[in-house]
């Protein structure tokens, strides 16, 4: 099963830790609320844009509900639904993708939206710090 986990990079944790130290209330809940809702949606949409489309006429993942998600503390994991298991093959260039180069569209999707998601989290924390101003 193909899956990817969105985690905050080390260099971005410094920005967030500075905000967290100056906040009253529960910043952890603010981050989790964002990641498990809006952030997850942005990440799934970004990955969807990078899903390769096969020439077959079957129902395709790119135009379907292809993902399953699992929420963790300060993280979210996105994987393909079982009926779209074929999404695994382009990632490794095995199966029907044999003799083709790997297409890690999960990572491409994460990288494409990473900065936006981190900035949105920081903005949420700042708004909470300033009392919603």
N, C-alpha and C. Protein backbone atom coordinates (compact mmCIF):
# COMPACT_ATOMS: atom_id res chain seq x y z
N UNK A 1 0.85 -1.17 0.00
CA UNK A 1 0.00 0.00 0.00
C UNK A 1 0.89 1.23 0.00
N UNK A 2 0.61 2.16 -0.86
CA UNK A 2 1.37 3.41 -0.92
C UNK A 2 0.85 4.36 0.15
N UNK A 3 1.77 5.03 0.82
CA UNK A 3 1.35 6.00 1.81
C UNK A 3 2.45 7.01 2.05
N UNK A 4 2.06 8.14 2.58
CA UNK A 4 2.99 9.21 2.89
C UNK A 4 2.53 9.87 4.19
N UNK A 5 3.48 10.34 4.95
CA UNK A 5 3.15 10.98 6.22
C UNK A 5 3.67 12.41 6.17
N UNK A 6 2.79 13.38 6.41
CA UNK A 6 3.19 14.78 6.45
C UNK A 6 3.75 15.07 7.83
N UNK A 7 5.01 15.48 7.88
CA UNK A 7 5.64 15.84 9.13
C UNK A 7 6.35 17.18 8.94
N UNK A 8 6.42 17.95 9.99
CA UNK A 8 7.05 19.26 9.92
C UNK A 8 8.56 19.08 9.90
N UNK A 9 9.23 19.76 8.97
CA UNK A 9 10.68 19.69 8.84
C UNK A 9 11.35 20.40 10.02
N UNK A 10 12.56 19.98 10.33
CA UNK A 10 13.30 20.50 11.48
C UNK A 10 13.42 22.02 11.44
N UNK A 11 13.75 22.58 10.28
CA UNK A 11 13.94 24.03 10.20
C UNK A 11 12.66 24.82 10.46
N UNK A 12 11.51 24.20 10.19
CA UNK A 12 10.25 24.88 10.45
C UNK A 12 9.79 24.74 11.89
N UNK A 13 10.29 23.74 12.58
CA UNK A 13 9.88 23.57 13.98
C UNK A 13 10.35 24.73 14.84
N UNK A 14 11.48 25.35 14.49
CA UNK A 14 11.98 26.48 15.27
C UNK A 14 10.99 27.64 15.25
N UNK A 15 10.42 27.94 14.09
CA UNK A 15 9.41 29.01 13.99
C UNK A 15 8.21 28.68 14.87
N UNK A 16 7.78 27.45 14.78
CA UNK A 16 6.58 27.04 15.50
C UNK A 16 6.85 26.98 17.00
N UNK A 17 8.02 26.48 17.40
CA UNK A 17 8.34 26.39 18.83
C UNK A 17 8.37 27.78 19.46
N UNK A 18 8.91 28.77 18.75
CA UNK A 18 8.93 30.14 19.25
C UNK A 18 7.52 30.64 19.52
N UNK A 19 6.61 30.36 18.59
CA UNK A 19 5.21 30.75 18.80
C UNK A 19 4.58 29.99 19.96
N UNK A 20 4.84 28.72 20.04
CA UNK A 20 4.25 27.89 21.08
C UNK A 20 4.67 28.36 22.47
N UNK A 21 5.93 28.76 22.61
CA UNK A 21 6.43 29.19 23.90
C UNK A 21 5.76 30.48 24.37
N UNK A 22 5.30 31.29 23.44
CA UNK A 22 4.68 32.56 23.82
C UNK A 22 3.15 32.48 23.91
N UNK A 23 2.60 31.29 23.66
CA UNK A 23 1.14 31.15 23.63
C UNK A 23 0.59 30.65 24.95
N UNK A 24 -0.58 31.17 25.24
CA UNK A 24 -1.38 30.58 26.31
C UNK A 24 -2.40 29.68 25.63
N UNK A 25 -2.85 28.69 26.32
CA UNK A 25 -3.82 27.77 25.71
C UNK A 25 -3.11 26.57 25.14
N UNK A 26 -3.80 25.85 24.29
CA UNK A 26 -3.26 24.59 23.82
C UNK A 26 -2.95 24.67 22.32
N UNK A 27 -1.72 25.03 22.01
CA UNK A 27 -1.29 25.14 20.63
C UNK A 27 -1.35 23.80 19.91
N UNK A 28 -1.10 22.74 20.66
CA UNK A 28 -1.14 21.40 20.08
C UNK A 28 -2.50 21.12 19.46
N UNK A 29 -3.57 21.51 20.15
CA UNK A 29 -4.92 21.31 19.61
C UNK A 29 -5.15 22.14 18.36
N UNK A 30 -4.60 23.35 18.31
CA UNK A 30 -4.76 24.22 17.14
C UNK A 30 -4.09 23.57 15.93
N UNK A 31 -2.88 23.07 16.11
CA UNK A 31 -2.15 22.43 15.01
C UNK A 31 -2.87 21.16 14.57
N UNK A 32 -3.27 20.33 15.53
CA UNK A 32 -3.98 19.09 15.18
C UNK A 32 -5.28 19.39 14.45
N UNK A 33 -6.03 20.38 14.91
CA UNK A 33 -7.29 20.74 14.27
C UNK A 33 -7.05 21.14 12.81
N UNK A 34 -6.03 21.95 12.58
CA UNK A 34 -5.73 22.37 11.22
C UNK A 34 -5.27 21.18 10.36
N UNK A 35 -4.29 20.42 10.85
CA UNK A 35 -3.75 19.31 10.06
C UNK A 35 -4.80 18.25 9.76
N UNK A 36 -5.64 17.94 10.71
CA UNK A 36 -6.61 16.86 10.55
C UNK A 36 -7.83 17.27 9.73
N UNK A 37 -7.92 18.53 9.39
CA UNK A 37 -9.05 19.01 8.59
C UNK A 37 -8.56 19.70 7.32
N UNK A 38 -8.34 21.01 7.39
CA UNK A 38 -7.97 21.78 6.19
C UNK A 38 -6.62 21.34 5.61
N UNK A 39 -5.65 21.11 6.48
CA UNK A 39 -4.33 20.70 6.00
C UNK A 39 -4.39 19.39 5.24
N UNK A 40 -5.10 18.43 5.82
CA UNK A 40 -5.25 17.12 5.18
C UNK A 40 -5.90 17.26 3.80
N UNK A 41 -6.90 18.10 3.71
CA UNK A 41 -7.59 18.30 2.44
C UNK A 41 -6.65 18.90 1.39
N UNK A 42 -5.84 19.88 1.79
CA UNK A 42 -4.88 20.48 0.85
C UNK A 42 -3.86 19.46 0.39
N UNK A 43 -3.39 18.64 1.30
CA UNK A 43 -2.38 17.63 0.96
C UNK A 43 -2.96 16.60 -0.01
N UNK A 44 -4.16 16.09 0.29
CA UNK A 44 -4.79 15.10 -0.59
C UNK A 44 -5.03 15.69 -1.97
N UNK A 45 -5.51 16.93 -2.04
CA UNK A 45 -5.75 17.57 -3.33
C UNK A 45 -4.46 17.73 -4.12
N UNK A 46 -3.38 18.08 -3.43
CA UNK A 46 -2.10 18.25 -4.10
C UNK A 46 -1.59 16.92 -4.64
N UNK A 47 -1.68 15.86 -3.84
CA UNK A 47 -1.25 14.54 -4.31
C UNK A 47 -2.10 14.10 -5.50
N UNK A 48 -3.40 14.34 -5.43
CA UNK A 48 -4.31 13.97 -6.51
C UNK A 48 -3.88 14.60 -7.83
N UNK A 49 -3.42 15.83 -7.79
CA UNK A 49 -2.96 16.50 -9.02
C UNK A 49 -1.77 15.81 -9.67
N UNK A 50 -0.99 15.07 -8.88
CA UNK A 50 0.19 14.40 -9.41
C UNK A 50 -0.04 12.92 -9.75
N UNK A 51 -1.24 12.40 -9.46
CA UNK A 51 -1.52 10.99 -9.76
C UNK A 51 -1.51 10.79 -11.28
N UNK A 52 -0.72 9.83 -11.74
CA UNK A 52 -0.69 9.58 -13.18
C UNK A 52 -2.00 8.95 -13.65
N UNK A 53 -2.37 9.25 -14.86
CA UNK A 53 -3.62 8.72 -15.42
C UNK A 53 -3.27 7.67 -16.47
N UNK A 54 -3.85 6.50 -16.31
CA UNK A 54 -3.59 5.43 -17.27
C UNK A 54 -4.54 5.58 -18.47
N UNK A 55 -4.19 4.98 -19.58
CA UNK A 55 -5.06 5.07 -20.76
C UNK A 55 -6.29 4.17 -20.66
N UNK A 56 -6.38 3.36 -19.61
CA UNK A 56 -7.52 2.46 -19.46
C UNK A 56 -8.79 3.26 -19.21
N UNK A 57 -9.92 2.67 -19.55
CA UNK A 57 -11.19 3.38 -19.41
C UNK A 57 -11.89 3.07 -18.09
N UNK A 58 -11.23 2.35 -17.19
CA UNK A 58 -11.83 2.02 -15.89
C UNK A 58 -11.95 3.28 -15.04
N UNK A 59 -12.70 3.16 -13.96
CA UNK A 59 -12.78 4.25 -13.00
C UNK A 59 -11.38 4.52 -12.47
N UNK A 60 -10.94 5.73 -12.50
CA UNK A 60 -9.56 6.05 -12.15
C UNK A 60 -9.47 6.79 -10.83
N UNK A 61 -8.38 6.57 -10.13
CA UNK A 61 -8.17 7.17 -8.81
C UNK A 61 -8.19 8.70 -8.86
N UNK A 62 -7.64 9.27 -9.89
CA UNK A 62 -7.54 10.73 -9.97
C UNK A 62 -8.91 11.40 -9.92
N UNK A 63 -9.93 10.70 -10.39
CA UNK A 63 -11.28 11.29 -10.42
C UNK A 63 -12.20 10.63 -9.39
N UNK A 64 -11.62 9.93 -8.43
CA UNK A 64 -12.39 9.20 -7.41
C UNK A 64 -11.88 9.54 -6.02
N UNK A 65 -12.55 9.00 -5.03
CA UNK A 65 -12.10 9.13 -3.64
C UNK A 65 -11.05 8.04 -3.41
N UNK A 66 -9.81 8.33 -3.68
CA UNK A 66 -8.74 7.34 -3.69
C UNK A 66 -8.02 7.17 -2.36
N UNK A 67 -8.18 8.13 -1.45
CA UNK A 67 -7.33 8.15 -0.26
C UNK A 67 -8.01 7.68 1.02
N UNK A 68 -7.18 7.20 1.93
CA UNK A 68 -7.57 6.92 3.30
C UNK A 68 -6.63 7.76 4.16
N UNK A 69 -7.12 8.27 5.26
CA UNK A 69 -6.25 9.07 6.12
C UNK A 69 -6.31 8.55 7.54
N UNK A 70 -5.23 8.80 8.24
CA UNK A 70 -5.14 8.42 9.64
C UNK A 70 -4.50 9.60 10.38
N UNK A 71 -5.17 10.05 11.42
CA UNK A 71 -4.68 11.19 12.17
C UNK A 71 -3.76 10.75 13.30
N UNK A 72 -2.67 11.47 13.46
CA UNK A 72 -1.73 11.28 14.56
C UNK A 72 -1.56 12.62 15.26
N UNK A 73 -0.95 12.59 16.40
CA UNK A 73 -0.66 13.84 17.08
C UNK A 73 0.39 14.61 16.28
N UNK A 74 0.01 15.79 15.83
CA UNK A 74 0.86 16.69 15.05
C UNK A 74 1.29 16.10 13.70
N UNK A 75 0.51 15.18 13.18
CA UNK A 75 0.80 14.58 11.87
C UNK A 75 -0.47 13.97 11.29
N UNK A 76 -0.43 13.71 10.00
CA UNK A 76 -1.52 13.02 9.32
C UNK A 76 -0.89 12.09 8.29
N UNK A 77 -1.41 10.87 8.19
CA UNK A 77 -0.93 9.88 7.22
C UNK A 77 -1.97 9.70 6.14
N UNK A 78 -1.53 9.72 4.90
CA UNK A 78 -2.42 9.57 3.77
C UNK A 78 -1.98 8.35 2.98
N UNK A 79 -2.91 7.45 2.71
CA UNK A 79 -2.59 6.26 1.93
C UNK A 79 -3.69 6.02 0.92
N UNK A 80 -3.42 5.13 -0.02
CA UNK A 80 -4.43 4.82 -1.02
C UNK A 80 -5.44 3.82 -0.45
N UNK A 81 -6.68 3.97 -0.88
CA UNK A 81 -7.72 3.02 -0.50
C UNK A 81 -7.42 1.68 -1.18
N UNK A 82 -7.85 0.60 -0.55
CA UNK A 82 -7.52 -0.74 -1.04
C UNK A 82 -7.91 -0.94 -2.51
N UNK A 83 -9.07 -0.42 -2.94
CA UNK A 83 -9.47 -0.66 -4.33
C UNK A 83 -8.58 0.08 -5.33
N UNK A 84 -7.78 1.01 -4.83
CA UNK A 84 -6.83 1.71 -5.69
C UNK A 84 -5.40 1.29 -5.37
N UNK A 85 -5.23 0.02 -5.06
CA UNK A 85 -3.92 -0.51 -4.71
C UNK A 85 -2.93 -0.34 -5.86
N UNK A 86 -3.42 -0.26 -7.07
CA UNK A 86 -2.53 -0.11 -8.22
C UNK A 86 -1.70 1.17 -8.14
N UNK A 87 -2.11 2.11 -7.29
CA UNK A 87 -1.32 3.34 -7.14
C UNK A 87 0.08 3.06 -6.61
N UNK A 88 0.23 1.92 -5.97
CA UNK A 88 1.54 1.53 -5.44
C UNK A 88 2.56 1.33 -6.56
N UNK A 89 2.13 0.79 -7.66
CA UNK A 89 3.07 0.40 -8.71
C UNK A 89 3.84 1.57 -9.33
N UNK A 90 3.24 2.70 -9.64
CA UNK A 90 4.04 3.80 -10.19
C UNK A 90 5.11 4.30 -9.21
N UNK A 91 4.86 4.13 -7.90
CA UNK A 91 5.84 4.59 -6.90
C UNK A 91 7.12 3.78 -6.97
N UNK A 92 7.01 2.50 -7.30
CA UNK A 92 8.18 1.62 -7.31
C UNK A 92 8.57 1.15 -8.70
N UNK A 93 7.76 1.49 -9.69
CA UNK A 93 7.98 1.03 -11.08
C UNK A 93 8.01 -0.48 -11.14
N UNK A 94 7.05 -1.11 -10.46
CA UNK A 94 6.89 -2.57 -10.52
C UNK A 94 5.53 -2.87 -11.11
N UNK A 95 5.22 -4.14 -11.25
CA UNK A 95 3.91 -4.53 -11.80
C UNK A 95 3.75 -3.99 -13.21
N UNK A 96 2.64 -3.32 -13.46
CA UNK A 96 2.36 -2.81 -14.80
C UNK A 96 3.24 -1.61 -15.15
N UNK A 97 3.93 -1.05 -14.15
CA UNK A 97 4.83 0.08 -14.39
C UNK A 97 6.26 -0.37 -14.64
N UNK A 98 6.47 -1.69 -14.76
CA UNK A 98 7.82 -2.23 -14.94
C UNK A 98 8.48 -1.61 -16.16
N UNK A 99 9.77 -1.41 -16.07
CA UNK A 99 10.59 -0.78 -17.11
C UNK A 99 10.30 0.70 -17.29
N UNK A 100 9.57 1.27 -16.38
CA UNK A 100 9.35 2.72 -16.36
C UNK A 100 10.07 3.26 -15.14
N UNK A 101 10.31 4.54 -15.12
CA UNK A 101 10.98 5.10 -13.94
C UNK A 101 9.93 5.35 -12.85
N UNK A 102 10.33 5.22 -11.57
CA UNK A 102 9.39 5.44 -10.47
C UNK A 102 8.79 6.85 -10.53
N UNK A 103 7.55 6.95 -10.13
CA UNK A 103 6.86 8.24 -10.09
C UNK A 103 6.32 8.42 -8.68
N UNK A 104 7.08 9.07 -7.84
CA UNK A 104 6.69 9.25 -6.44
C UNK A 104 5.76 10.45 -6.31
N UNK A 105 4.54 10.31 -6.81
CA UNK A 105 3.59 11.42 -6.81
C UNK A 105 3.14 11.78 -5.40
N UNK A 106 3.21 10.85 -4.45
CA UNK A 106 2.88 11.18 -3.07
C UNK A 106 3.85 12.25 -2.55
N UNK A 107 5.14 12.02 -2.73
CA UNK A 107 6.14 12.97 -2.26
C UNK A 107 6.05 14.28 -3.04
N UNK A 108 5.83 14.19 -4.34
CA UNK A 108 5.68 15.41 -5.15
C UNK A 108 4.51 16.25 -4.64
N UNK A 109 3.40 15.59 -4.31
CA UNK A 109 2.23 16.30 -3.80
C UNK A 109 2.50 16.97 -2.47
N UNK A 110 3.18 16.25 -1.56
CA UNK A 110 3.54 16.83 -0.26
C UNK A 110 4.46 18.03 -0.45
N UNK A 111 5.51 17.86 -1.24
CA UNK A 111 6.47 18.95 -1.45
C UNK A 111 5.82 20.17 -2.08
N UNK A 112 4.86 19.94 -2.95
CA UNK A 112 4.18 21.03 -3.63
C UNK A 112 3.39 21.92 -2.67
N UNK A 113 2.85 21.37 -1.61
CA UNK A 113 1.96 22.10 -0.72
C UNK A 113 2.56 22.31 0.68
N UNK A 114 3.75 21.78 0.93
CA UNK A 114 4.34 21.81 2.26
C UNK A 114 4.42 23.23 2.84
N UNK A 115 5.03 24.15 2.09
CA UNK A 115 5.22 25.51 2.60
C UNK A 115 3.88 26.17 2.93
N UNK A 116 2.89 25.97 2.08
CA UNK A 116 1.57 26.55 2.31
C UNK A 116 0.94 26.00 3.58
N UNK A 117 1.04 24.72 3.81
CA UNK A 117 0.46 24.10 5.00
C UNK A 117 1.16 24.62 6.26
N UNK A 118 2.49 24.69 6.25
CA UNK A 118 3.22 25.19 7.41
C UNK A 118 2.87 26.65 7.68
N UNK A 119 2.82 27.46 6.63
CA UNK A 119 2.46 28.88 6.81
C UNK A 119 1.04 29.03 7.35
N UNK A 120 0.12 28.20 6.89
CA UNK A 120 -1.25 28.24 7.41
C UNK A 120 -1.29 27.88 8.89
N UNK A 121 -0.49 26.88 9.30
CA UNK A 121 -0.43 26.51 10.72
C UNK A 121 0.11 27.66 11.55
N UNK A 122 1.18 28.28 11.05
CA UNK A 122 1.78 29.41 11.78
C UNK A 122 0.78 30.55 11.88
N UNK A 123 0.05 30.80 10.80
CA UNK A 123 -0.97 31.87 10.82
C UNK A 123 -2.06 31.57 11.84
N UNK A 124 -2.49 30.31 11.89
CA UNK A 124 -3.49 29.90 12.90
C UNK A 124 -2.97 30.15 14.32
N UNK A 125 -1.72 29.80 14.55
CA UNK A 125 -1.13 30.00 15.88
C UNK A 125 -1.03 31.48 16.22
N UNK A 126 -0.61 32.29 15.24
CA UNK A 126 -0.52 33.74 15.46
C UNK A 126 -1.88 34.34 15.76
N UNK A 127 -2.89 33.93 15.00
CA UNK A 127 -4.25 34.45 15.23
C UNK A 127 -4.74 34.10 16.63
N UNK A 128 -4.43 32.90 17.07
CA UNK A 128 -4.84 32.50 18.41
C UNK A 128 -4.07 33.28 19.46
N UNK A 129 -2.79 33.52 19.22
CA UNK A 129 -1.94 34.28 20.12
C UNK A 129 -2.45 35.70 20.28
N UNK A 130 -2.93 36.27 19.18
CA UNK A 130 -3.43 37.65 19.19
C UNK A 130 -4.92 37.71 19.52
N UNK A 131 -5.48 36.63 19.94
CA UNK A 131 -6.90 36.62 20.29
C UNK A 131 -7.82 36.67 19.10
N UNK A 132 -7.41 36.08 17.96
CA UNK A 132 -8.27 36.00 16.79
C UNK A 132 -8.27 37.25 15.96
N UNK A 133 -7.34 38.17 16.19
CA UNK A 133 -7.29 39.42 15.42
C UNK A 133 -6.70 39.22 14.06
